[in-house]
Amino acid sequence: MTALSSLRITLIGGGNMARGLIGGLIAKGANPAYITVAEPDAAGRDALQRNFGVAVTGDNACAVAGARVIVLAVKPQIMAQVVRALAPTLQLSRPLVISVAAGIRSANLAGWIGPDVPVVRCMPNRPALIGAGASGLYADATVGAAERALAEQVLASTGLALWVNREGDMDLVTALSGSGPAYFFRLAELMAEAAIAQGLDATVARQLAAQTLAGAGQLVASETSPDLARMRAEVTSRGGTTEAALNCFGALALDSTVAAAMQAAAQRSHELAEQFGDQP
């Protein structure tokens, strides 16, 4: 496997996911001089160069020249346009291509790029920005073991990286871990708002909610194989305050609400593939 310190990587798009990946790679030993980011916004390019010391350009085709790994970190809406423009260069160099776009299927990417270029789909999440990400990966049978190992090496720099066996599962990964941080943020936000409405100082409520969210995450992360049901039970004393709140969640059908929300997110991921994956 290629050492991160000598790996030449190009990221097409310099947004939050790209920044998280860059930070994780550098923290794990990647050489900033070997990382190139193609970003259309001049201010964004300046910030990336200033913050990470990476090479930056506004020219996608120039950026991919000589790279061993290409990370496509652009929105699904423009993926076809971006990839088709890069296809001639990718056909010449045949790097590993990793897409972090929600919904866009491997077959669509392969069709736009052309044959014999290995493609891996990945769905990271926002905690990748601090090396605490959770990424799902998928590749079809045409992608070999060495390419899979390289993709896993790159994504593991941002946190947990796990493979799924079916491409359809990527919609579920998107709903679970890709969108998941926002669900926890929303719950903490609602908890703070409820405490404020019942009389707690707003600053105190928001700080306590945020720290409770952070602390719960750290507690889970401290266990090698966390058992979420057990951990919940350990906080829940019979007849106590936590049990009263959880019983209220049950009475208000939180279980079915969460299941419906997950289904909505997964369905939207599927719709993105239908909407933007088969562009003529």
C-alpha atoms as a PDB file:
ATOM      1  CA  MET A   1       0.000   0.000   0.000  1.00  0.00           C
ATOM      2  CA  THR A   2       1.211   3.491  -0.853  1.00  0.00           C
ATOM      3  CA  ALA A   3       2.329   5.491   2.172  1.00  0.00           C
ATOM      4  CA  LEU A   4       0.213   8.572   2.802  1.00  0.00           C
ATOM      5  CA  SER A   5       3.382  10.672   2.890  1.00  0.00           C
ATOM      6  CA  SER A   6       4.029   9.954  -0.788  1.00  0.00           C
ATOM      7  CA  LEU A   7       0.444   9.722  -2.041  1.00  0.00           C
ATOM      8  CA  ARG A   8      -0.618  12.336  -4.580  1.00  0.00           C
ATOM      9  CA  ILE A   9      -4.261  13.225  -4.035  1.00  0.00           C
ATOM     10  CA  THR A  10      -6.523  15.686  -5.793  1.00  0.00           C
ATOM     11  CA  LEU A  11      -9.836  16.906  -4.440  1.00  0.00           C
ATOM     12  CA  ILE A  12     -12.340  18.389  -6.861  1.00  0.00           C
ATOM     13  CA  GLY A  13     -14.212  20.848  -4.667  1.00  0.00           C
ATOM     14  CA  GLY A  14     -12.939  22.546  -1.529  1.00  0.00           C
ATOM     15  CA  GLY A  15     -15.994  22.582   0.759  1.00  0.00           C
ATOM     16  CA  ASN A  16     -16.452  21.189   4.258  1.00  0.00           C
ATOM     17  CA  MET A  17     -16.090  17.530   3.314  1.00  0.00           C
ATOM     18  CA  ALA A  18     -12.923  18.247   1.360  1.00  0.00           C
ATOM     19  CA  ARG A  19     -11.524  20.279   4.247  1.00  0.00           C
ATOM     20  CA  GLY A  20     -12.275  17.468   6.678  1.00  0.00           C
ATOM     21  CA  LEU A  21     -10.528  14.951   4.466  1.00  0.00           C
ATOM     22  CA  ILE A  22      -7.515  17.221   3.973  1.00  0.00           C
ATOM     23  CA  GLY A  23      -7.166  17.799   7.701  1.00  0.00           C
ATOM     24  CA  GLY A  24      -7.460  14.093   8.442  1.00  0.00           C
ATOM     25  CA  LEU A  25      -4.949  13.105   5.777  1.00  0.00           C
ATOM     26  CA  ILE A  26      -2.359  15.618   6.959  1.00  0.00           C
ATOM     27  CA  ALA A  27      -2.848  14.539  10.569  1.00  0.00           C
ATOM     28  CA  LYS A  28      -2.149  10.933   9.496  1.00  0.00           C
ATOM     29  CA  GLY A  29       1.046  11.832   7.649  1.00  0.00           C
ATOM     30  CA  ALA A  30       0.054  12.988   4.161  1.00  0.00           C
ATOM     31  CA  ASN A  31       2.331  15.609   2.626  1.00  0.00           C
ATOM     32  CA  PRO A  32       0.408  18.860   1.978  1.00  0.00           C
ATOM     33  CA  ALA A  33       2.649  19.489  -1.028  1.00  0.00           C
ATOM     34  CA  TYR A  34       1.190  16.351  -2.640  1.00  0.00           C
ATOM     35  CA  ILE A  35      -2.433  17.413  -2.093  1.00  0.00           C
ATOM     36  CA  THR A  36      -4.103  19.550  -4.761  1.00  0.00           C
ATOM     37  CA  VAL A  37      -7.549  21.102  -4.442  1.00  0.00           C
ATOM     38  CA  ALA A  38      -9.546  22.399  -7.386  1.00  0.00           C
ATOM     39  CA  GLU A  39     -11.870  25.106  -6.106  1.00  0.00           C
ATOM     40  CA  PRO A  40     -13.639  27.682  -8.300  1.00  0.00           C
ATOM     41  CA  ASP A  41     -13.883  30.339  -5.582  1.00  0.00           C
ATOM     42  CA  ALA A  42     -10.714  32.433  -5.235  1.00  0.00           C
ATOM     43  CA  ALA A  43     -11.320  33.221  -1.562  1.00  0.00           C
ATOM     44  CA  GLY A  44     -11.847  29.523  -0.898  1.00  0.00           C
ATOM     45  CA  ARG A  45      -8.574  28.685  -2.626  1.00  0.00           C
ATOM     46  CA  ASP A  46      -6.718  31.253  -0.553  1.00  0.00           C
ATOM     47  CA  ALA A  47      -8.186  29.876   2.675  1.00  0.00           C
ATOM     48  CA  LEU A  48      -7.270  26.283   1.782  1.00  0.00           C
ATOM     49  CA  GLN A  49      -3.710  27.236   0.953  1.00  0.00           C
ATOM     50  CA  ARG A  50      -3.374  29.358   4.070  1.00  0.00           C
ATOM     51  CA  ASN A  51      -4.915  26.801   6.445  1.00  0.00           C
ATOM     52  CA  PHE A  52      -3.394  23.601   5.092  1.00  0.00           C
ATOM     53  CA  GLY A  53      -0.479  24.503   2.831  1.00  0.00           C
ATOM     54  CA  VAL A  54      -1.934  22.502  -0.063  1.00  0.00           C
ATOM     55  CA  ALA A  55      -1.691  23.342  -3.752  1.00  0.00           C
ATOM     56  CA  VAL A  56      -4.792  25.026  -5.141  1.00  0.00           C
ATOM     57  CA  THR A  57      -6.123  25.776  -8.602  1.00  0.00           C
ATOM     58  CA  GLY A  58      -9.309  26.810 -10.331  1.00  0.00           C
ATOM     59  CA  ASP A  59      -8.662  24.354 -13.189  1.00  0.00           C
ATOM     60  CA  ASN A  60     -10.044  20.859 -12.607  1.00  0.00           C
ATOM     61  CA  ALA A  61      -8.142  19.236 -15.484  1.00  0.00           C
ATOM     62  CA  CYS A  62      -4.862  20.710 -14.275  1.00  0.00           C
ATOM     63  CA  ALA A  63      -5.566  19.520 -10.747  1.00  0.00           C
ATOM     64  CA  VAL A  64      -6.013  15.838 -11.624  1.00  0.00           C
ATOM     65  CA  ALA A  65      -2.818  15.511 -13.673  1.00  0.00           C
ATOM     66  CA  GLY A  66      -0.442  13.110 -11.946  1.00  0.00           C
ATOM     67  CA  ALA A  67      -2.742  12.258  -9.026  1.00  0.00           C
ATOM     68  CA  ARG A  68      -3.035   8.679  -7.768  1.00  0.00           C
ATOM     69  CA  VAL A  69      -6.364   9.370  -6.053  1.00  0.00           C
ATOM     70  CA  ILE A  70      -9.120  11.748  -7.180  1.00  0.00           C
ATOM     71  CA  VAL A  71     -11.825  12.693  -4.668  1.00  0.00           C
ATOM     72  CA  LEU A  72     -14.981  14.088  -6.251  1.00  0.00           C
ATOM     73  CA  ALA A  73     -16.353  16.427  -3.579  1.00  0.00           C
ATOM     74  CA  VAL A  74     -18.916  18.361  -5.586  1.00  0.00           C
ATOM     75  CA  LYS A  75     -22.713  18.497  -5.323  1.00  0.00           C
ATOM     76  CA  PRO A  76     -24.780  15.795  -7.063  1.00  0.00           C
ATOM     77  CA  GLN A  77     -26.365  18.500  -9.204  1.00  0.00           C
ATOM     78  CA  ILE A  78     -23.111  19.240 -11.049  1.00  0.00           C
ATOM     79  CA  MET A  79     -21.379  15.866 -10.813  1.00  0.00           C
ATOM     80  CA  ALA A  80     -22.144  14.775 -14.397  1.00  0.00           C
ATOM     81  CA  GLN A  81     -20.838  18.024 -15.856  1.00  0.00           C
ATOM     82  CA  VAL A  82     -17.658  17.934 -13.777  1.00  0.00           C
ATOM     83  CA  VAL A  83     -16.887  14.265 -14.395  1.00  0.00           C
ATOM     84  CA  ARG A  84     -17.543  14.326 -18.129  1.00  0.00           C
ATOM     85  CA  ALA A  85     -15.113  17.218 -18.511  1.00  0.00           C
ATOM     86  CA  LEU A  86     -12.448  15.245 -16.627  1.00  0.00           C
ATOM     87  CA  ALA A  87     -13.055  11.930 -18.412  1.00  0.00           C
ATOM     88  CA  PRO A  88     -10.356  12.250 -21.124  1.00  0.00           C
ATOM     89  CA  THR A  89      -7.668  12.973 -18.500  1.00  0.00           C
ATOM     90  CA  LEU A  90      -8.908  10.210 -16.197  1.00  0.00           C
ATOM     91  CA  GLN A  91      -8.847   7.712 -19.062  1.00  0.00           C
ATOM     92  CA  LEU A  92      -5.182   8.474 -19.634  1.00  0.00           C
ATOM     93  CA  SER A  93      -4.008   8.232 -16.024  1.00  0.00           C
ATOM     94  CA  ARG A  94      -6.637   5.832 -14.589  1.00  0.00           C
ATOM     95  CA  PRO A  95      -6.394   6.902 -10.942  1.00  0.00           C
ATOM     96  CA  LEU A  96      -8.622   5.681  -8.134  1.00  0.00           C
ATOM     97  CA  VAL A  97     -11.745   7.872  -8.146  1.00  0.00           C
ATOM     98  CA  ILE A  98     -13.651   8.350  -4.890  1.00  0.00           C
ATOM     99  CA  SER A  99     -17.031  10.095  -4.962  1.00  0.00           C
ATOM    100  CA  VAL A 100     -18.527  11.605  -1.802  1.00  0.00           C
ATOM    101  CA  ALA A 101     -21.722  12.804  -3.536  1.00  0.00           C
ATOM    102  CA  ALA A 102     -25.018  11.584  -2.087  1.00  0.00           C
ATOM    103  CA  GLY A 103     -27.081   9.396  -4.362  1.00  0.00           C
ATOM    104  CA  ILE A 104     -24.901   9.279  -7.491  1.00  0.00           C
ATOM    105  CA  ARG A 105     -24.430   5.611  -8.383  1.00  0.00           C
ATOM    106  CA  SER A 106     -21.252   3.828  -9.402  1.00  0.00           C
ATOM    107  CA  ALA A 107     -22.700   2.929 -12.805  1.00  0.00           C
ATOM    108  CA  ASN A 108     -23.416   6.581 -13.550  1.00  0.00           C
ATOM    109  CA  LEU A 109     -19.909   7.623 -12.536  1.00  0.00           C
ATOM    110  CA  ALA A 110     -18.362   4.813 -14.591  1.00  0.00           C
ATOM    111  CA  GLY A 111     -20.503   5.748 -17.570  1.00  0.00           C
ATOM    112  CA  TRP A 112     -19.366   9.362 -17.441  1.00  0.00           C
ATOM    113  CA  ILE A 113     -15.692   8.492 -16.847  1.00  0.00           C
ATOM    114  CA  GLY A 114     -15.377   5.547 -19.212  1.00  0.00           C
ATOM    115  CA  PRO A 115     -14.023   2.000 -18.751  1.00  0.00           C
ATOM    116  CA  ASP A 116     -11.192   0.691 -16.597  1.00  0.00           C
ATOM    117  CA  VAL A 117     -11.114   3.515 -14.039  1.00  0.00           C
ATOM    118  CA  PRO A 118     -11.788   2.199 -10.504  1.00  0.00           C
ATOM    119  CA  VAL A 119     -14.620   4.036  -8.750  1.00  0.00           C
ATOM    120  CA  VAL A 120     -15.461   3.926  -5.034  1.00  0.00           C
ATOM    121  CA  ARG A 121     -18.480   5.618  -3.518  1.00  0.00           C
ATOM    122  CA  CYS A 122     -18.186   7.050  -0.045  1.00  0.00           C
ATOM    123  CA  MET A 123     -20.581   8.819   2.294  1.00  0.00           C
ATOM    124  CA  PRO A 124     -18.645  10.645   5.029  1.00  0.00           C
ATOM    125  CA  ASN A 125     -20.172  12.956   7.615  1.00  0.00           C
ATOM    126  CA  ARG A 126     -19.387  16.332   9.127  1.00  0.00           C
ATOM    127  CA  PRO A 127     -17.419  15.073  12.180  1.00  0.00           C
ATOM    128  CA  ALA A 128     -14.746  14.125   9.636  1.00  0.00           C
ATOM    129  CA  LEU A 129     -13.687  17.749  10.107  1.00  0.00           C
ATOM    130  CA  ILE A 130     -12.229  16.789  13.504  1.00  0.00           C
ATOM    131  CA  GLY A 131     -11.154  13.238  12.706  1.00  0.00           C
ATOM    132  CA  ALA A 132     -14.290  11.741  14.284  1.00  0.00           C
ATOM    133  CA  GLY A 133     -16.133  10.893  11.093  1.00  0.00           C
ATOM    134  CA  ALA A 134     -18.130   7.811  10.150  1.00  0.00           C
ATOM    135  CA  SER A 135     -17.929   6.837   6.475  1.00  0.00           C
ATOM    136  CA  GLY A 136     -19.668   4.127   4.491  1.00  0.00           C
ATOM    137  CA  LEU A 137     -17.890   2.851   1.359  1.00  0.00           C
ATOM    138  CA  TYR A 138     -19.051   0.835  -1.638  1.00  0.00           C
ATOM    139  CA  ALA A 139     -17.335  -0.493  -4.754  1.00  0.00           C
ATOM    140  CA  ASP A 140     -18.570  -2.942  -7.342  1.00  0.00           C
ATOM    141  CA  ALA A 141     -16.827  -6.169  -8.284  1.00  0.00           C
ATOM    142  CA  THR A 142     -14.610  -4.486 -10.880  1.00  0.00           C
ATOM    143  CA  VAL A 143     -12.645  -2.657  -8.167  1.00  0.00           C
ATOM    144  CA  GLY A 144      -9.743  -4.776  -6.921  1.00  0.00           C
ATOM    145  CA  ALA A 145      -8.448  -5.384  -3.418  1.00  0.00           C
ATOM    146  CA  ALA A 146      -5.543  -2.951  -3.740  1.00  0.00           C
ATOM    147  CA  GLU A 147      -7.838  -0.119  -4.824  1.00  0.00           C
ATOM    148  CA  ARG A 148     -10.291  -0.902  -2.036  1.00  0.00           C
ATOM    149  CA  ALA A 149      -7.469  -0.853   0.509  1.00  0.00           C
ATOM    150  CA  LEU A 150      -6.279   2.502  -0.812  1.00  0.00           C
ATOM    151  CA  ALA A 151      -9.774   3.998  -0.600  1.00  0.00           C
ATOM    152  CA  GLU A 152     -10.151   2.719   2.950  1.00  0.00           C
ATOM    153  CA  GLN A 153      -6.745   4.144   3.875  1.00  0.00           C
ATOM    154  CA  VAL A 154      -7.757   7.581   2.591  1.00  0.00           C
ATOM    155  CA  LEU A 155     -11.161   7.653   4.297  1.00  0.00           C
ATOM    156  CA  ALA A 156      -9.932   6.128   7.557  1.00  0.00           C
ATOM    157  CA  SER A 157      -7.857   9.274   8.019  1.00  0.00           C
ATOM    158  CA  THR A 158     -11.101  11.025   9.012  1.00  0.00           C
ATOM    159  CA  GLY A 159     -12.415   8.369  11.420  1.00  0.00           C
ATOM    160  CA  LEU A 160     -14.339   5.111  11.051  1.00  0.00           C
ATOM    161  CA  ALA A 161     -14.593   3.709   7.500  1.00  0.00           C
ATOM    162  CA  LEU A 162     -16.812   0.665   6.873  1.00  0.00           C
ATOM    163  CA  TRP A 163     -17.739  -1.156   3.660  1.00  0.00           C
ATOM    164  CA  VAL A 164     -21.256  -2.105   2.611  1.00  0.00           C
ATOM    165  CA  ASN A 165     -21.922  -4.994   0.251  1.00  0.00           C
ATOM    166  CA  ARG A 166     -24.895  -3.586  -1.657  1.00  0.00           C
ATOM    167  CA  GLU A 167     -24.941  -0.212  -3.351  1.00  0.00           C
ATOM    168  CA  GLY A 168     -28.528   0.348  -2.244  1.00  0.00           C
ATOM    169  CA  ASP A 169     -27.253   0.365   1.333  1.00  0.00           C
ATOM    170  CA  MET A 170     -25.486   3.652   0.614  1.00  0.00           C
ATOM    171  CA  ASP A 171     -28.878   5.378   0.766  1.00  0.00           C
ATOM    172  CA  LEU A 172     -29.270   3.978   4.288  1.00  0.00           C
ATOM    173  CA  VAL A 173     -25.730   5.035   5.224  1.00  0.00           C
ATOM    174  CA  THR A 174     -26.606   8.523   4.010  1.00  0.00           C
ATOM    175  CA  ALA A 175     -29.720   8.544   6.185  1.00  0.00           C
ATOM    176  CA  LEU A 176     -27.938   7.119   9.229  1.00  0.00           C
ATOM    177  CA  SER A 177     -24.447   8.575   9.508  1.00  0.00           C
ATOM    178  CA  GLY A 178     -24.305  11.040   6.621  1.00  0.00           C
ATOM    179  CA  SER A 179     -27.261  13.099   7.826  1.00  0.00           C
ATOM    180  CA  GLY A 180     -27.186  11.783  11.397  1.00  0.00           C
ATOM    181  CA  PRO A 181     -25.173  14.550  13.088  1.00  0.00           C
ATOM    182  CA  ALA A 182     -27.937  17.031  12.249  1.00  0.00           C
ATOM    183  CA  TYR A 183     -30.475  14.815  14.033  1.00  0.00           C
ATOM    184  CA  PHE A 184     -28.459  14.909  17.258  1.00  0.00           C
ATOM    185  CA  PHE A 185     -27.887  18.657  16.902  1.00  0.00           C
ATOM    186  CA  ARG A 186     -31.632  19.158  16.463  1.00  0.00           C
ATOM    187  CA  LEU A 187     -32.453  17.058  19.529  1.00  0.00           C
ATOM    188  CA  ALA A 188     -29.974  19.021  21.647  1.00  0.00           C
ATOM    189  CA  GLU A 189     -31.399  22.258  20.236  1.00  0.00           C
ATOM    190  CA  LEU A 190     -34.938  21.200  21.188  1.00  0.00           C
ATOM    191  CA  MET A 191     -33.828  20.159  24.670  1.00  0.00           C
ATOM    192  CA  ALA A 192     -32.269  23.578  25.242  1.00  0.00           C
ATOM    193  CA  GLU A 193     -35.362  25.342  23.896  1.00  0.00           C
ATOM    194  CA  ALA A 194     -37.612  23.328  26.222  1.00  0.00           C
ATOM    195  CA  ALA A 195     -35.460  24.176  29.240  1.00  0.00           C
ATOM    196  CA  ILE A 196     -35.503  27.860  28.277  1.00  0.00           C
ATOM    197  CA  ALA A 197     -39.294  27.809  27.896  1.00  0.00           C
ATOM    198  CA  GLN A 198     -39.555  26.334  31.386  1.00  0.00           C
ATOM    199  CA  GLY A 199     -37.404  29.085  32.902  1.00  0.00           C
ATOM    200  CA  LEU A 200     -33.724  28.129  32.613  1.00  0.00           C
ATOM    201  CA  ASP A 201     -31.277  30.838  31.537  1.00  0.00           C
ATOM    202  CA  ALA A 202     -30.787  30.621  27.764  1.00  0.00           C
ATOM    203  CA  THR A 203     -26.979  30.638  27.843  1.00  0.00           C
ATOM    204  CA  VAL A 204     -26.877  27.987  30.551  1.00  0.00           C
ATOM    205  CA  ALA A 205     -29.414  25.817  28.712  1.00  0.00           C
ATOM    206  CA  ARG A 206     -27.555  25.916  25.398  1.00  0.00           C
ATOM    207  CA  GLN A 207     -24.163  25.239  26.966  1.00  0.00           C
ATOM    208  CA  LEU A 208     -25.494  22.328  28.994  1.00  0.00           C
ATOM    209  CA  ALA A 209     -27.260  20.842  25.957  1.00  0.00           C
ATOM    210  CA  ALA A 210     -24.148  21.146  23.795  1.00  0.00           C
ATOM    211  CA  GLN A 211     -21.871  19.625  26.413  1.00  0.00           C
ATOM    212  CA  THR A 212     -24.332  16.814  27.087  1.00  0.00           C
ATOM    213  CA  LEU A 213     -24.308  15.999  23.370  1.00  0.00           C
ATOM    214  CA  ALA A 214     -20.504  16.118  23.247  1.00  0.00           C
ATOM    215  CA  GLY A 215     -20.059  14.108  26.425  1.00  0.00           C
ATOM    216  CA  ALA A 216     -22.475  11.386  25.348  1.00  0.00           C
ATOM    217  CA  GLY A 217     -20.588  11.037  22.073  1.00  0.00           C
ATOM    218  CA  GLN A 218     -17.240  10.816  23.841  1.00  0.00           C
ATOM    219  CA  LEU A 219     -18.629   8.196  26.216  1.00  0.00           C
ATOM    220  CA  VAL A 220     -19.785   6.042  23.310  1.00  0.00           C
ATOM    221  CA  ALA A 221     -16.462   6.536  21.522  1.00  0.00           C
ATOM    222  CA  SER A 222     -14.559   5.374  24.610  1.00  0.00           C
ATOM    223  CA  GLU A 223     -15.908   1.827  24.181  1.00  0.00           C
ATOM    224  CA  THR A 224     -14.463  -0.580  21.637  1.00  0.00           C
ATOM    225  CA  SER A 225     -17.839  -2.160  20.861  1.00  0.00           C
ATOM    226  CA  PRO A 226     -20.474   0.195  22.262  1.00  0.00           C
ATOM    227  CA  ASP A 227     -23.819  -1.327  23.193  1.00  0.00           C
ATOM    228  CA  LEU A 228     -26.172   1.628  22.912  1.00  0.00           C
ATOM    229  CA  ALA A 229     -29.099  -0.144  24.563  1.00  0.00           C
ATOM    230  CA  ARG A 230     -26.941  -1.089  27.561  1.00  0.00           C
ATOM    231  CA  MET A 231     -25.530   2.413  27.852  1.00  0.00           C
ATOM    232  CA  ARG A 232     -29.027   3.880  27.789  1.00  0.00           C
ATOM    233  CA  ALA A 233     -30.123   1.443  30.490  1.00  0.00           C
ATOM    234  CA  GLU A 234     -27.163   2.403  32.679  1.00  0.00           C
ATOM    235  CA  VAL A 235     -28.398   6.003  32.763  1.00  0.00           C
ATOM    236  CA  THR A 236     -32.002   4.979  33.418  1.00  0.00           C
ATOM    237  CA  SER A 237     -32.853   4.331  37.061  1.00  0.00           C
ATOM    238  CA  ARG A 238     -36.151   2.591  37.734  1.00  0.00           C
ATOM    239  CA  GLY A 239     -38.729   5.188  38.719  1.00  0.00           C
ATOM    240  CA  GLY A 240     -36.304   8.044  38.087  1.00  0.00           C
ATOM    241  CA  THR A 241     -36.233  11.167  35.952  1.00  0.00           C
ATOM    242  CA  THR A 242     -34.639   9.579  32.885  1.00  0.00           C
ATOM    243  CA  GLU A 243     -37.220   6.805  32.845  1.00  0.00           C
ATOM    244  CA  ALA A 244     -39.994   9.413  32.984  1.00  0.00           C
ATOM    245  CA  ALA A 245     -38.569  11.197  29.931  1.00  0.00           C
ATOM    246  CA  LEU A 246     -38.019   7.973  27.973  1.00  0.00           C
ATOM    247  CA  ASN A 247     -41.554   6.820  28.757  1.00  0.00           C
ATOM    248  CA  CYS A 248     -42.778  10.118  27.343  1.00  0.00           C
ATOM    249  CA  PHE A 249     -40.724   9.508  24.190  1.00  0.00           C
ATOM    250  CA  GLY A 250     -42.418   6.126  23.877  1.00  0.00           C
ATOM    251  CA  ALA A 251     -45.912   7.509  24.425  1.00  0.00           C
ATOM    252  CA  LEU A 252     -45.301  10.141  21.737  1.00  0.00           C
ATOM    253  CA  ALA A 253     -44.083   7.508  19.242  1.00  0.00           C
ATOM    254  CA  LEU A 254     -40.469   8.678  18.970  1.00  0.00           C
ATOM    255  CA  ASP A 255     -39.545   5.257  17.536  1.00  0.00           C
ATOM    256  CA  SER A 256     -41.827   5.626  14.517  1.00  0.00           C
ATOM    257  CA  THR A 257     -40.880   9.291  14.087  1.00  0.00           C
ATOM    258  CA  VAL A 258     -37.192   8.386  13.835  1.00  0.00           C
ATOM    259  CA  ALA A 259     -37.940   5.506  11.463  1.00  0.00           C
ATOM    260  CA  ALA A 260     -39.966   7.816   9.221  1.00  0.00           C
ATOM    261  CA  ALA A 261     -37.231  10.451   9.238  1.00  0.00           C
ATOM    262  CA  MET A 262     -34.622   7.866   8.271  1.00  0.00           C
ATOM    263  CA  GLN A 263     -36.845   6.611   5.480  1.00  0.00           C
ATOM    264  CA  ALA A 264     -37.324  10.181   4.192  1.00  0.00           C
ATOM    265  CA  ALA A 265     -33.566  10.781   4.093  1.00  0.00           C
ATOM    266  CA  ALA A 266     -32.879   7.472   2.350  1.00  0.00           C
ATOM    267  CA  GLN A 267     -35.648   8.154  -0.162  1.00  0.00           C
ATOM    268  CA  ARG A 268     -34.185  11.577  -0.924  1.00  0.00           C
ATOM    269  CA  SER A 269     -30.786   9.983  -1.550  1.00  0.00           C
ATOM    270  CA  HIS A 270     -32.457   7.607  -3.995  1.00  0.00           C
ATOM    271  CA  GLU A 271     -34.254  10.524  -5.679  1.00  0.00           C
ATOM    272  CA  LEU A 272     -30.961  12.385  -6.133  1.00  0.00           C
ATOM    273  CA  ALA A 273     -29.642   9.401  -8.058  1.00  0.00           C
ATOM    274  CA  GLU A 274     -32.742   9.356 -10.241  1.00  0.00           C
ATOM    275  CA  GLN A 275     -32.633  13.121 -10.783  1.00  0.00           C
ATOM    276  CA  PHE A 276     -28.941  13.692 -11.378  1.00  0.00           C
ATOM    277  CA  GLY A 277     -27.492  10.259 -12.120  1.00  0.00           C
ATOM    278  CA  ASP A 278     -28.835   9.747 -15.622  1.00  0.00           C
ATOM    279  CA  GLN A 279     -28.257  13.115 -17.206  1.00  0.00           C
ATOM    280  CA  PRO A 280     -27.916  12.932 -20.997  1.00  0.00           C
END
